[in-house]
């Protein structure tokens, strides 16, 4: 029996020392959930194209959000890791979403 759904897995390992908070996870413009440190969100998806957006809704922190577009096929598993970083000489942090490839 073959499934017609794929699986989306989004994980966040760490935050920024001294800064607590969750990121808002949106899939095709709808809130999928909140992602805190060392948390994972799993979601079954039907075949198709998707837009994944991660943002920080705490205004004073002024994190720059991230958006990733992807397609998912039958029985496929898409894995993304969410990171935050501050580059030298920049004033604010930005959210980075990287796809994790597994063999």
PDB file of N, CA and C in Angstrom:
ATOM      1  N   UNK A   1       0.845  -1.179   0.000  1.00  0.00           N
ATOM      2  CA  UNK A   1       0.000   0.000   0.000  1.00  0.00           C
ATOM      3  C   UNK A   1       0.885   1.235   0.000  1.00  0.00           C
ATOM      4  N   UNK A   2       0.843   1.996  -1.069  1.00  0.00           N
ATOM      5  CA  UNK A   2       1.670   3.194  -1.195  1.00  0.00           C
ATOM      6  C   UNK A   2       0.881   4.407  -0.736  1.00  0.00           C
ATOM      7  N   UNK A   3       1.524   5.218   0.076  1.00  0.00           N
ATOM      8  CA  UNK A   3       0.889   6.450   0.536  1.00  0.00           C
ATOM      9  C   UNK A   3       0.988   7.514  -0.548  1.00  0.00           C
ATOM     10  N   UNK A   4      -0.004   8.363  -0.635  1.00  0.00           N
ATOM     11  CA  UNK A   4       0.020   9.453  -1.596  1.00  0.00           C
ATOM     12  C   UNK A   4       0.475  10.748  -0.932  1.00  0.00           C
ATOM     13  N   UNK A   5       0.840  10.661   0.326  1.00  0.00           N
ATOM     14  CA  UNK A   5       1.273  11.840   1.053  1.00  0.00           C
ATOM     15  C   UNK A   5       2.777  11.842   1.244  1.00  0.00           C
ATOM     16  N   UNK A   6       3.312  13.035   1.376  1.00  0.00           N
ATOM     17  CA  UNK A   6       4.700  13.207   1.758  1.00  0.00           C
ATOM     18  C   UNK A   6       4.722  13.691   3.198  1.00  0.00           C
ATOM     19  N   UNK A   7       5.917  13.839   3.749  1.00  0.00           N
ATOM     20  CA  UNK A   7       6.057  14.295   5.126  1.00  0.00           C
ATOM     21  C   UNK A   7       7.002  15.488   5.176  1.00  0.00           C
ATOM     22  N   UNK A   8       6.583  16.511   5.884  1.00  0.00           N
ATOM     23  CA  UNK A   8       7.407  17.691   6.119  1.00  0.00           C
ATOM     24  C   UNK A   8       7.881  17.629   7.566  1.00  0.00           C
ATOM     25  N   UNK A   9       9.195  17.773   7.771  1.00  0.00           N
ATOM     26  CA  UNK A   9       9.776  17.782   9.110  1.00  0.00           C
ATOM     27  C   UNK A   9      10.599  19.054   9.241  1.00  0.00           C
ATOM     28  N   UNK A  10      10.272  19.869  10.259  1.00  0.00           N
ATOM     29  CA  UNK A  10      10.982  21.124  10.494  1.00  0.00           C
ATOM     30  C   UNK A  10      11.519  21.066  11.923  1.00  0.00           C
ATOM     31  N   UNK A  11      12.821  21.303  12.085  1.00  0.00           N
ATOM     32  CA  UNK A  11      13.426  21.252  13.411  1.00  0.00           C
ATOM     33  C   UNK A  11      14.230  22.489  13.712  1.00  0.00           C
ATOM     34  N   UNK A  12      14.326  22.795  14.989  1.00  0.00           N
ATOM     35  CA  UNK A  12      15.129  23.921  15.441  1.00  0.00           C
ATOM     36  C   UNK A  12      15.986  23.427  16.598  1.00  0.00           C
ATOM     37  N   UNK A  13      17.292  23.533  16.463  1.00  0.00           N
ATOM     38  CA  UNK A  13      18.183  23.030  17.491  1.00  0.00           C
ATOM     39  C   UNK A  13      18.338  24.011  18.652  1.00  0.00           C
ATOM     40  N   UNK A  14      18.810  25.195  18.358  1.00  0.00           N
ATOM     41  CA  UNK A  14      19.113  26.144  19.427  1.00  0.00           C
ATOM     42  C   UNK A  14      18.566  27.518  19.109  1.00  0.00           C
ATOM     43  N   UNK A  15      18.571  28.331  20.114  1.00  0.00           N
ATOM     44  CA  UNK A  15      18.197  29.731  19.963  1.00  0.00           C
ATOM     45  C   UNK A  15      19.425  30.582  20.186  1.00  0.00           C
ATOM     46  N   UNK A  16      19.206  31.770  20.676  1.00  0.00           N
ATOM     47  CA  UNK A  16      20.295  32.696  20.959  1.00  0.00           C
ATOM     48  C   UNK A  16      20.381  32.831  22.471  1.00  0.00           C
ATOM     49  N   UNK A  17      21.563  32.703  22.998  1.00  0.00           N
ATOM     50  CA  UNK A  17      21.742  32.754  24.448  1.00  0.00           C
ATOM     51  C   UNK A  17      21.090  34.006  25.034  1.00  0.00           C
ATOM     52  N   UNK A  18      20.261  33.801  26.050  1.00  0.00           N
ATOM     53  CA  UNK A  18      19.600  34.912  26.722  1.00  0.00           C
ATOM     54  C   UNK A  18      18.336  35.401  26.044  1.00  0.00           C
ATOM     55  N   UNK A  19      17.997  34.845  24.888  1.00  0.00           N
ATOM     56  CA  UNK A  19      16.794  35.255  24.154  1.00  0.00           C
ATOM     57  C   UNK A  19      15.853  34.076  24.036  1.00  0.00           C
ATOM     58  N   UNK A  20      14.741  34.148  24.730  1.00  0.00           N
ATOM     59  CA  UNK A  20      13.759  33.084  24.653  1.00  0.00           C
ATOM     60  C   UNK A  20      12.698  33.470  23.640  1.00  0.00           C
ATOM     61  N   UNK A  21      12.109  32.513  23.054  1.00  0.00           N
ATOM     62  CA  UNK A  21      11.036  32.814  22.127  1.00  0.00           C
ATOM     63  C   UNK A  21      10.859  31.729  21.101  1.00  0.00           C
ATOM     64  N   UNK A  22       9.733  31.811  20.467  1.00  0.00           N
ATOM     65  CA  UNK A  22       9.378  30.840  19.433  1.00  0.00           C
ATOM     66  C   UNK A  22       9.248  31.558  18.105  1.00  0.00           C
ATOM     67  N   UNK A  23       9.478  30.800  17.053  1.00  0.00           N
ATOM     68  CA  UNK A  23       9.261  31.312  15.713  1.00  0.00           C
ATOM     69  C   UNK A  23       7.907  30.813  15.230  1.00  0.00           C
ATOM     70  N   UNK A  24       7.231  31.626  14.443  1.00  0.00           N
ATOM     71  CA  UNK A  24       5.963  31.242  13.837  1.00  0.00           C
ATOM     72  C   UNK A  24       6.269  30.551  12.510  1.00  0.00           C
ATOM     73  N   UNK A  25       5.659  29.387  12.297  1.00  0.00           N
ATOM     74  CA  UNK A  25       5.862  28.601  11.082  1.00  0.00           C
ATOM     75  C   UNK A  25       4.579  28.679  10.258  1.00  0.00           C
ATOM     76  N   UNK A  26       4.705  29.168   9.019  1.00  0.00           N
ATOM     77  CA  UNK A  26       3.565  29.266   8.115  1.00  0.00           C
ATOM     78  C   UNK A  26       3.802  28.381   6.902  1.00  0.00           C
ATOM     79  N   UNK A  27       2.744  27.710   6.469  1.00  0.00           N
ATOM     80  CA  UNK A  27       2.799  26.898   5.267  1.00  0.00           C
ATOM     81  C   UNK A  27       1.705  27.400   4.342  1.00  0.00           C
ATOM     82  N   UNK A  28       2.102  27.894   3.178  1.00  0.00           N
ATOM     83  CA  UNK A  28       1.182  28.508   2.214  1.00  0.00           C
ATOM     84  C   UNK A  28       0.319  29.598   2.865  1.00  0.00           C
ATOM     85  N   UNK A  29       0.940  30.394   3.746  1.00  0.00           N
ATOM     86  CA  UNK A  29       0.271  31.536   4.353  1.00  0.00           C
ATOM     87  C   UNK A  29      -0.565  31.230   5.577  1.00  0.00           C
ATOM     88  N   UNK A  30      -0.690  29.954   5.955  1.00  0.00           N
ATOM     89  CA  UNK A  30      -1.483  29.577   7.126  1.00  0.00           C
ATOM     90  C   UNK A  30      -0.553  29.105   8.243  1.00  0.00           C
ATOM     91  N   UNK A  31      -0.866  29.490   9.476  1.00  0.00           N
ATOM     92  CA  UNK A  31      -0.018  29.121  10.605  1.00  0.00           C
ATOM     93  C   UNK A  31      -0.052  27.605  10.811  1.00  0.00           C
ATOM     94  N   UNK A  32       1.132  27.015  10.778  1.00  0.00           N
ATOM     95  CA  UNK A  32       1.286  25.585  10.999  1.00  0.00           C
ATOM     96  C   UNK A  32       1.575  25.304  12.481  1.00  0.00           C
ATOM     97  N   UNK A  33       2.274  26.233  13.123  1.00  0.00           N
ATOM     98  CA  UNK A  33       2.598  26.064  14.539  1.00  0.00           C
ATOM     99  C   UNK A  33       3.682  27.026  14.968  1.00  0.00           C
ATOM    100  N   UNK A  34       4.104  26.852  16.223  1.00  0.00           N
ATOM    101  CA  UNK A  34       5.179  27.634  16.802  1.00  0.00           C
ATOM    102  C   UNK A  34       6.356  26.692  17.041  1.00  0.00           C
ATOM    103  N   UNK A  35       7.563  27.192  16.770  1.00  0.00           N
ATOM    104  CA  UNK A  35       8.752  26.358  16.864  1.00  0.00           C
ATOM    105  C   UNK A  35       9.717  26.961  17.866  1.00  0.00           C
ATOM    106  N   UNK A  36       9.909  26.279  18.992  1.00  0.00           N
ATOM    107  CA  UNK A  36      10.849  26.710  20.018  1.00  0.00           C
ATOM    108  C   UNK A  36      12.161  25.964  19.888  1.00  0.00           C
ATOM    109  N   UNK A  37      13.072  26.253  20.813  1.00  0.00           N
ATOM    110  CA  UNK A  37      14.366  25.582  20.813  1.00  0.00           C
ATOM    111  C   UNK A  37      14.191  24.076  21.001  1.00  0.00           C
ATOM    112  N   UNK A  38      14.957  23.317  20.260  1.00  0.00           N
ATOM    113  CA  UNK A  38      14.977  21.847  20.328  1.00  0.00           C
ATOM    114  C   UNK A  38      13.599  21.235  20.111  1.00  0.00           C
ATOM    115  N   UNK A  39      12.827  21.832  19.227  1.00  0.00           N
ATOM    116  CA  UNK A  39      11.511  21.296  18.901  1.00  0.00           C
ATOM    117  C   UNK A  39      11.444  20.894  17.437  1.00  0.00           C
ATOM    118  N   UNK A  40      10.474  20.017  17.139  1.00  0.00           N
ATOM    119  CA  UNK A  40      10.258  19.516  15.789  1.00  0.00           C
ATOM    120  C   UNK A  40       8.773  19.599  15.474  1.00  0.00           C
ATOM    121  N   UNK A  41       8.475  19.995  14.240  1.00  0.00           N
ATOM    122  CA  UNK A  41       7.101  19.962  13.729  1.00  0.00           C
ATOM    123  C   UNK A  41       7.076  18.961  12.585  1.00  0.00           C
ATOM    124  N   UNK A  42       6.112  18.032  12.613  1.00  0.00           N
ATOM    125  CA  UNK A  42       5.915  17.062  11.526  1.00  0.00           C
ATOM    126  C   UNK A  42       4.519  17.270  10.962  1.00  0.00           C
ATOM    127  N   UNK A  43       4.429  17.210   9.646  1.00  0.00           N
ATOM    128  CA  UNK A  43       3.132  17.421   8.992  1.00  0.00           C
ATOM    129  C   UNK A  43       3.055  16.549   7.744  1.00  0.00           C
ATOM    130  N   UNK A  44       1.943  15.854   7.567  1.00  0.00           N
ATOM    131  CA  UNK A  44       1.692  15.096   6.334  1.00  0.00           C
ATOM    132  C   UNK A  44       1.195  16.081   5.280  1.00  0.00           C
ATOM    133  N   UNK A  45       1.735  15.976   4.078  1.00  0.00           N
ATOM    134  CA  UNK A  45       1.359  16.878   2.985  1.00  0.00           C
ATOM    135  C   UNK A  45       0.952  16.080   1.765  1.00  0.00           C
ATOM    136  N   UNK A  46      -0.041  16.571   1.069  1.00  0.00           N
ATOM    137  CA  UNK A  46      -0.399  15.969  -0.215  1.00  0.00           C
ATOM    138  C   UNK A  46       0.589  16.446  -1.273  1.00  0.00           C
ATOM    139  N   UNK A  47       0.604  15.777  -2.397  1.00  0.00           N
ATOM    140  CA  UNK A  47       1.495  16.151  -3.489  1.00  0.00           C
ATOM    141  C   UNK A  47       1.279  17.605  -3.857  1.00  0.00           C
ATOM    142  N   UNK A  48       2.365  18.306  -4.181  1.00  0.00           N
ATOM    143  CA  UNK A  48       2.195  19.675  -4.640  1.00  0.00           C
ATOM    144  C   UNK A  48       3.360  20.582  -4.297  1.00  0.00           C
ATOM    145  N   UNK A  49       3.115  21.864  -4.528  1.00  0.00           N
ATOM    146  CA  UNK A  49       4.109  22.916  -4.296  1.00  0.00           C
ATOM    147  C   UNK A  49       3.707  23.688  -3.045  1.00  0.00           C
ATOM    148  N   UNK A  50       4.712  24.069  -2.260  1.00  0.00           N
ATOM    149  CA  UNK A  50       4.462  24.729  -0.990  1.00  0.00           C
ATOM    150  C   UNK A  50       5.418  25.895  -0.772  1.00  0.00           C
ATOM    151  N   UNK A  51       4.980  26.830   0.058  1.00  0.00           N
ATOM    152  CA  UNK A  51       5.816  27.932   0.501  1.00  0.00           C
ATOM    153  C   UNK A  51       5.873  27.875   2.023  1.00  0.00           C
ATOM    154  N   UNK A  52       7.077  27.711   2.547  1.00  0.00           N
ATOM    155  CA  UNK A  52       7.315  27.634   3.985  1.00  0.00           C
ATOM    156  C   UNK A  52       7.936  28.954   4.430  1.00  0.00           C
ATOM    157  N   UNK A  53       7.320  29.601   5.415  1.00  0.00           N
ATOM    158  CA  UNK A  53       7.824  30.864   5.937  1.00  0.00           C
ATOM    159  C   UNK A  53       8.040  30.718   7.441  1.00  0.00           C
ATOM    160  N   UNK A  54       9.197  31.179   7.893  1.00  0.00           N
ATOM    161  CA  UNK A  54       9.515  31.189   9.324  1.00  0.00           C
ATOM    162  C   UNK A  54       9.732  32.651   9.699  1.00  0.00           C
ATOM    163  N   UNK A  55       9.042  33.096  10.755  1.00  0.00           N
ATOM    164  CA  UNK A  55       9.201  34.487  11.176  1.00  0.00           C
ATOM    165  C   UNK A  55       9.188  34.576  12.702  1.00  0.00           C
ATOM    166  N   UNK A  56       9.756  35.654  13.181  1.00  0.00           N
ATOM    167  CA  UNK A  56       9.740  35.959  14.608  1.00  0.00           C
ATOM    168  C   UNK A  56       8.743  37.089  14.798  1.00  0.00           C
ATOM    169  N   UNK A  57       7.716  36.864  15.603  1.00  0.00           N
ATOM    170  CA  UNK A  57       6.665  37.856  15.777  1.00  0.00           C
ATOM    171  C   UNK A  57       6.923  38.828  16.924  1.00  0.00           C
ATOM    172  N   UNK A  58       8.124  38.790  17.506  1.00  0.00           N
ATOM    173  CA  UNK A  58       8.464  39.737  18.564  1.00  0.00           C
ATOM    174  C   UNK A  58       9.114  40.950  17.900  1.00  0.00           C
ATOM    175  N   UNK A  59       8.367  42.045  17.817  1.00  0.00           N
ATOM    176  CA  UNK A  59       8.764  43.207  17.024  1.00  0.00           C
ATOM    177  C   UNK A  59      10.093  43.817  17.444  1.00  0.00           C
ATOM    178  N   UNK A  60      10.354  43.925  18.737  1.00  0.00           N
ATOM    179  CA  UNK A  60      11.561  44.632  19.162  1.00  0.00           C
ATOM    180  C   UNK A  60      12.851  43.915  18.774  1.00  0.00           C
ATOM    181  N   UNK A  61      12.772  42.597  18.520  1.00  0.00           N
ATOM    182  CA  UNK A  61      13.981  41.857  18.151  1.00  0.00           C
ATOM    183  C   UNK A  61      14.373  42.097  16.696  1.00  0.00           C
ATOM    184  N   UNK A  62      13.420  42.392  15.866  1.00  0.00           N
ATOM    185  CA  UNK A  62      13.647  42.720  14.449  1.00  0.00           C
ATOM    186  C   UNK A  62      14.453  41.653  13.705  1.00  0.00           C
ATOM    187  N   UNK A  63      14.103  40.382  13.915  1.00  0.00           N
ATOM    188  CA  UNK A  63      14.719  39.299  13.153  1.00  0.00           C
ATOM    189  C   UNK A  63      14.198  39.368  11.724  1.00  0.00           C
ATOM    190  N   UNK A  64      15.054  39.080  10.772  1.00  0.00           N
ATOM    191  CA  UNK A  64      14.641  38.968   9.385  1.00  0.00           C
ATOM    192  C   UNK A  64      14.161  37.540   9.157  1.00  0.00           C
ATOM    193  N   UNK A  65      12.940  37.376   8.665  1.00  0.00           N
ATOM    194  CA  UNK A  65      12.360  36.056   8.436  1.00  0.00           C
ATOM    195  C   UNK A  65      12.943  35.372   7.214  1.00  0.00           C
ATOM    196  N   UNK A  66      12.486  34.154   6.965  1.00  0.00           N
ATOM    197  CA  UNK A  66      12.973  33.367   5.831  1.00  0.00           C
ATOM    198  C   UNK A  66      11.813  32.655   5.155  1.00  0.00           C
ATOM    199  N   UNK A  67      11.904  32.528   3.828  1.00  0.00           N
ATOM    200  CA  UNK A  67      10.895  31.825   3.047  1.00  0.00           C
ATOM    201  C   UNK A  67      11.584  30.839   2.113  1.00  0.00           C
ATOM    202  N   UNK A  68      11.023  29.627   2.041  1.00  0.00           N
ATOM    203  CA  UNK A  68      11.553  28.574   1.176  1.00  0.00           C
ATOM    204  C   UNK A  68      10.384  28.004   0.378  1.00  0.00           C
ATOM    205  N   UNK A  69      10.595  27.800  -0.913  1.00  0.00           N
ATOM    206  CA  UNK A  69       9.586  27.163  -1.762  1.00  0.00           C
ATOM    207  C   UNK A  69      10.077  25.759  -2.108  1.00  0.00           C
ATOM    208  N   UNK A  70       9.156  24.793  -2.066  1.00  0.00           N
ATOM    209  CA  UNK A  70       9.547  23.417  -2.362  1.00  0.00           C
ATOM    210  C   UNK A  70       8.346  22.655  -2.900  1.00  0.00           C
ATOM    211  N   UNK A  71       8.642  21.531  -3.529  1.00  0.00           N
ATOM    212  CA  UNK A  71       7.617  20.593  -3.998  1.00  0.00           C
ATOM    213  C   UNK A  71       7.816  19.289  -3.252  1.00  0.00           C
ATOM    214  N   UNK A  72       6.714  18.555  -3.103  1.00  0.00           N
ATOM    215  CA  UNK A  72       6.808  17.259  -2.427  1.00  0.00           C
ATOM    216  C   UNK A  72       6.077  16.217  -3.265  1.00  0.00           C
ATOM    217  N   UNK A  73       6.669  15.035  -3.351  1.00  0.00           N
ATOM    218  CA  UNK A  73       6.112  13.933  -4.123  1.00  0.00           C
ATOM    219  C   UNK A  73       5.584  12.855  -3.184  1.00  0.00           C
ATOM    220  N   UNK A  74       4.948  11.867  -3.743  1.00  0.00           N
ATOM    221  CA  UNK A  74       4.402  10.740  -2.989  1.00  0.00           C
ATOM    222  C   UNK A  74       5.500  10.058  -2.174  1.00  0.00           C
ATOM    223  N   UNK A  75       5.238   9.846  -0.904  1.00  0.00           N
ATOM    224  CA  UNK A  75       6.126   9.152   0.030  1.00  0.00           C
ATOM    225  C   UNK A  75       7.445   9.876   0.278  1.00  0.00           C
ATOM    226  N   UNK A  76       7.596  11.091  -0.209  1.00  0.00           N
ATOM    227  CA  UNK A  76       8.837  11.836  -0.019  1.00  0.00           C
ATOM    228  C   UNK A  76       8.835  12.503   1.358  1.00  0.00           C
ATOM    229  N   UNK A  77      10.027  12.626   1.937  1.00  0.00           N
ATOM    230  CA  UNK A  77      10.169  13.294   3.219  1.00  0.00           C
ATOM    231  C   UNK A  77      11.073  14.514   3.016  1.00  0.00           C
ATOM    232  N   UNK A  78      10.559  15.690   3.315  1.00  0.00           N
ATOM    233  CA  UNK A  78      11.348  16.929   3.224  1.00  0.00           C
ATOM    234  C   UNK A  78      11.714  17.333   4.635  1.00  0.00           C
ATOM    235  N   UNK A  79      13.014  17.579   4.864  1.00  0.00           N
ATOM    236  CA  UNK A  79      13.498  17.958   6.191  1.00  0.00           C
ATOM    237  C   UNK A  79      14.171  19.324   6.110  1.00  0.00           C
ATOM    238  N   UNK A  80      13.792  20.208   7.035  1.00  0.00           N
ATOM    239  CA  UNK A  80      14.393  21.533   7.109  1.00  0.00           C
ATOM    240  C   UNK A  80      14.854  21.803   8.532  1.00  0.00           C
ATOM    241  N   UNK A  81      15.971  22.509   8.653  1.00  0.00           N
ATOM    242  CA  UNK A  81      16.478  22.933   9.957  1.00  0.00           C
ATOM    243  C   UNK A  81      16.415  24.458   9.994  1.00  0.00           C
ATOM    244  N   UNK A  82      15.972  24.991  11.130  1.00  0.00           N
ATOM    245  CA  UNK A  82      15.835  26.436  11.300  1.00  0.00           C
ATOM    246  C   UNK A  82      16.951  26.917  12.217  1.00  0.00           C
ATOM    247  N   UNK A  83      17.681  27.916  11.753  1.00  0.00           N
ATOM    248  CA  UNK A  83      18.798  28.498  12.495  1.00  0.00           C
ATOM    249  C   UNK A  83      18.610  30.016  12.575  1.00  0.00           C
ATOM    250  N   UNK A  84      19.293  30.630  13.509  1.00  0.00           N
ATOM    251  CA  UNK A  84      19.339  32.094  13.543  1.00  0.00           C
ATOM    252  C   UNK A  84      20.802  32.494  13.641  1.00  0.00           C
ATOM    253  N   UNK A  85      21.153  33.543  12.933  1.00  0.00           N
ATOM    254  CA  UNK A  85      22.550  33.968  12.943  1.00  0.00           C
ATOM    255  C   UNK A  85      22.648  35.479  12.820  1.00  0.00           C
ATOM    256  N   UNK A  86      23.770  35.967  13.255  1.00  0.00           N
ATOM    257  CA  UNK A  86      24.088  37.391  13.131  1.00  0.00           C
ATOM    258  C   UNK A  86      25.451  37.477  12.454  1.00  0.00           C
ATOM    259  N   UNK A  87      25.489  38.111  11.307  1.00  0.00           N
ATOM    260  CA  UNK A  87      26.744  38.247  10.590  1.00  0.00           C
ATOM    261  C   UNK A  87      27.533  39.419  11.170  1.00  0.00           C
ATOM    262  N   UNK A  88      28.844  39.352  11.072  1.00  0.00           N
ATOM    263  CA  UNK A  88      29.656  40.461  11.572  1.00  0.00           C
ATOM    264  C   UNK A  88      29.239  41.789  10.928  1.00  0.00           C
ATOM    265  N   UNK A  89      29.211  42.818  11.713  1.00  0.00           N
ATOM    266  CA  UNK A  89      28.889  44.183  11.289  1.00  0.00           C
ATOM    267  C   UNK A  89      27.419  44.396  10.965  1.00  0.00           C
ATOM    268  N   UNK A  90      26.566  43.430  11.231  1.00  0.00           N
ATOM    269  CA  UNK A  90      25.123  43.611  11.064  1.00  0.00           C
ATOM    270  C   UNK A  90      24.516  43.859  12.437  1.00  0.00           C
ATOM    271  N   UNK A  91      23.426  44.617  12.484  1.00  0.00           N
ATOM    272  CA  UNK A  91      22.822  44.963  13.759  1.00  0.00           C
ATOM    273  C   UNK A  91      21.811  43.929  14.241  1.00  0.00           C
ATOM    274  N   UNK A  92      21.165  43.227  13.339  1.00  0.00           N
ATOM    275  CA  UNK A  92      20.124  42.287  13.740  1.00  0.00           C
ATOM    276  C   UNK A  92      20.410  40.866  13.316  1.00  0.00           C
ATOM    277  N   UNK A  93      19.620  39.966  13.860  1.00  0.00           N
ATOM    278  CA  UNK A  93      19.716  38.554  13.512  1.00  0.00           C
ATOM    279  C   UNK A  93      18.819  38.251  12.321  1.00  0.00           C
ATOM    280  N   UNK A  94      19.082  37.146  11.670  1.00  0.00           N
ATOM    281  CA  UNK A  94      18.212  36.677  10.600  1.00  0.00           C
ATOM    282  C   UNK A  94      17.957  35.190  10.793  1.00  0.00           C
ATOM    283  N   UNK A  95      16.808  34.777  10.324  1.00  0.00           N
ATOM    284  CA  UNK A  95      16.412  33.375  10.397  1.00  0.00           C
ATOM    285  C   UNK A  95      16.841  32.707   9.097  1.00  0.00           C
ATOM    286  N   UNK A  96      17.410  31.532   9.224  1.00  0.00           N
ATOM    287  CA  UNK A  96      17.866  30.772   8.054  1.00  0.00           C
ATOM    288  C   UNK A  96      17.179  29.415   8.070  1.00  0.00           C
ATOM    289  N   UNK A  97      16.683  28.998   6.914  1.00  0.00           N
ATOM    290  CA  UNK A  97      16.063  27.682   6.766  1.00  0.00           C
ATOM    291  C   UNK A  97      16.889  26.901   5.745  1.00  0.00           C
ATOM    292  N   UNK A  98      17.415  25.754   6.174  1.00  0.00           N
ATOM    293  CA  UNK A  98      18.234  24.925   5.287  1.00  0.00           C
ATOM    294  C   UNK A  98      17.579  23.558   5.136  1.00  0.00           C
ATOM    295  N   UNK A  99      17.573  23.075   3.903  1.00  0.00           N
ATOM    296  CA  UNK A  99      17.064  21.723   3.671  1.00  0.00           C
ATOM    297  C   UNK A  99      18.150  20.725   4.066  1.00  0.00           C
ATOM    298  N   UNK A 100      17.755  19.684   4.778  1.00  0.00           N
ATOM    299  CA  UNK A 100      18.668  18.644   5.206  1.00  0.00           C
ATOM    300  C   UNK A 100      18.476  17.467   4.257  1.00  0.00           C
ATOM    301  N   UNK A 101      19.519  17.105   3.572  1.00  0.00           N
ATOM    302  CA  UNK A 101      19.488  15.993   2.618  1.00  0.00           C
ATOM    303  C   UNK A 101      19.994  14.732   3.303  1.00  0.00           C
ATOM    304  N   UNK A 102      19.271  13.643   3.099  1.00  0.00           N
ATOM    305  CA  UNK A 102      19.709  12.346   3.618  1.00  0.00           C
ATOM    306  C   UNK A 102      19.754  11.370   2.459  1.00  0.00           C
ATOM    307  N   UNK A 103      20.742  10.491   2.497  1.00  0.00           N
ATOM    308  CA  UNK A 103      20.867   9.479   1.430  1.00  0.00           C
ATOM    309  C   UNK A 103      19.904   8.346   1.656  1.00  0.00           C
TER     310      UNK A 103
END
